[in-house]
Amino acid sequence: MKNFLHTSAVLIFLLTACNLPSSPTVDTPVEPTSVPPTALPTNTAANPTPAPPTETSVPPTVTPTSTNTPIPVVESLDATVTADLLSCRYGPGAEYLYLYGLKKGANIQLIGRTDGNNWVMVKGKNLCWLNAKFVEIKGDPQTLRVTYPSEYRLPVSPYYTGPTVLSATRNPNNPNEVTVKWTDITLRAGDEEDENMFIYIIEVWRCEGSKTVFDPLASNYPEVTFIDEAGCDIPSHGRVFFQEKHGFAGPADIPWPED
């Protein structure tokens, strides 16, 4: 296990489908926290349900929990890649398994987004996800339909079973600090996408500044710590996946601790 955690800038301590090719690209890494982080995958995973291209790890984008004026929804938006080489991943974050890379100037069509960060889904034979920061979009990406996680499933690993969450607690001295622990799983030799791959993906929809943030964290250890404040209309929630080069095992839902 690598003793390193990869996570977003907003986190406090966080540990943040076969043979896919090595990830190329523009990936903006999240600052690591006190818990050891992990690395990004590079291998072939089982075909997932919709997944768009390219990625780059960037601090999660905060999305308001409520809106007075409904935003119109569009079926798709055209976009052009502006990065020299942009990663397209199986999930909406830089920590997920890599699918393929897009070269600068590539024209793509976006057909979905997450609600809480700036990753968008790319249309194609194999759907994948990329960071909207590295494409020029003809239109407002917020008008795209929210397709994750309701309309998209990560490719399932045929070789592993998922983890079991053991506990989710708040720090008595800092109630906004949540620590989640789960059962450890051993990755067999040869099942890593590359030497930097994280074996755990922790998806959390947490509250920050009265807004809900979707934060995909990554770790090589069966524990992660992050901040979740009070004051959001949408209840915070999350889940834990085990990741290997063929796909994802799980998820295990996190029993969210009370504020």
Foldseek 3Di string as FASTA:
>chain_A
DAFAAWWAQQWAAWSFEAFAAPFDDAAATHDHGPGHHFFAFGIHADQWFAAAFFAHAYHFDWAAQDDDDDAAADQKWKKFFQDQKGWWALDQHRQGHTHGIDGGGDIWMWGADARAGQKTWTDDPGITIYGPVGMGIPDDRVNHHHCPPPPIGWGADPPDAWWAKDAWAADPVGRQKIKTFIDADDDDPPFGRDRRHFFKWKWKQADDPQTTHTITIGHNHRMTMTGHDDRYPDDIWIWMWTDTHHIIHDTHTHPYDDD
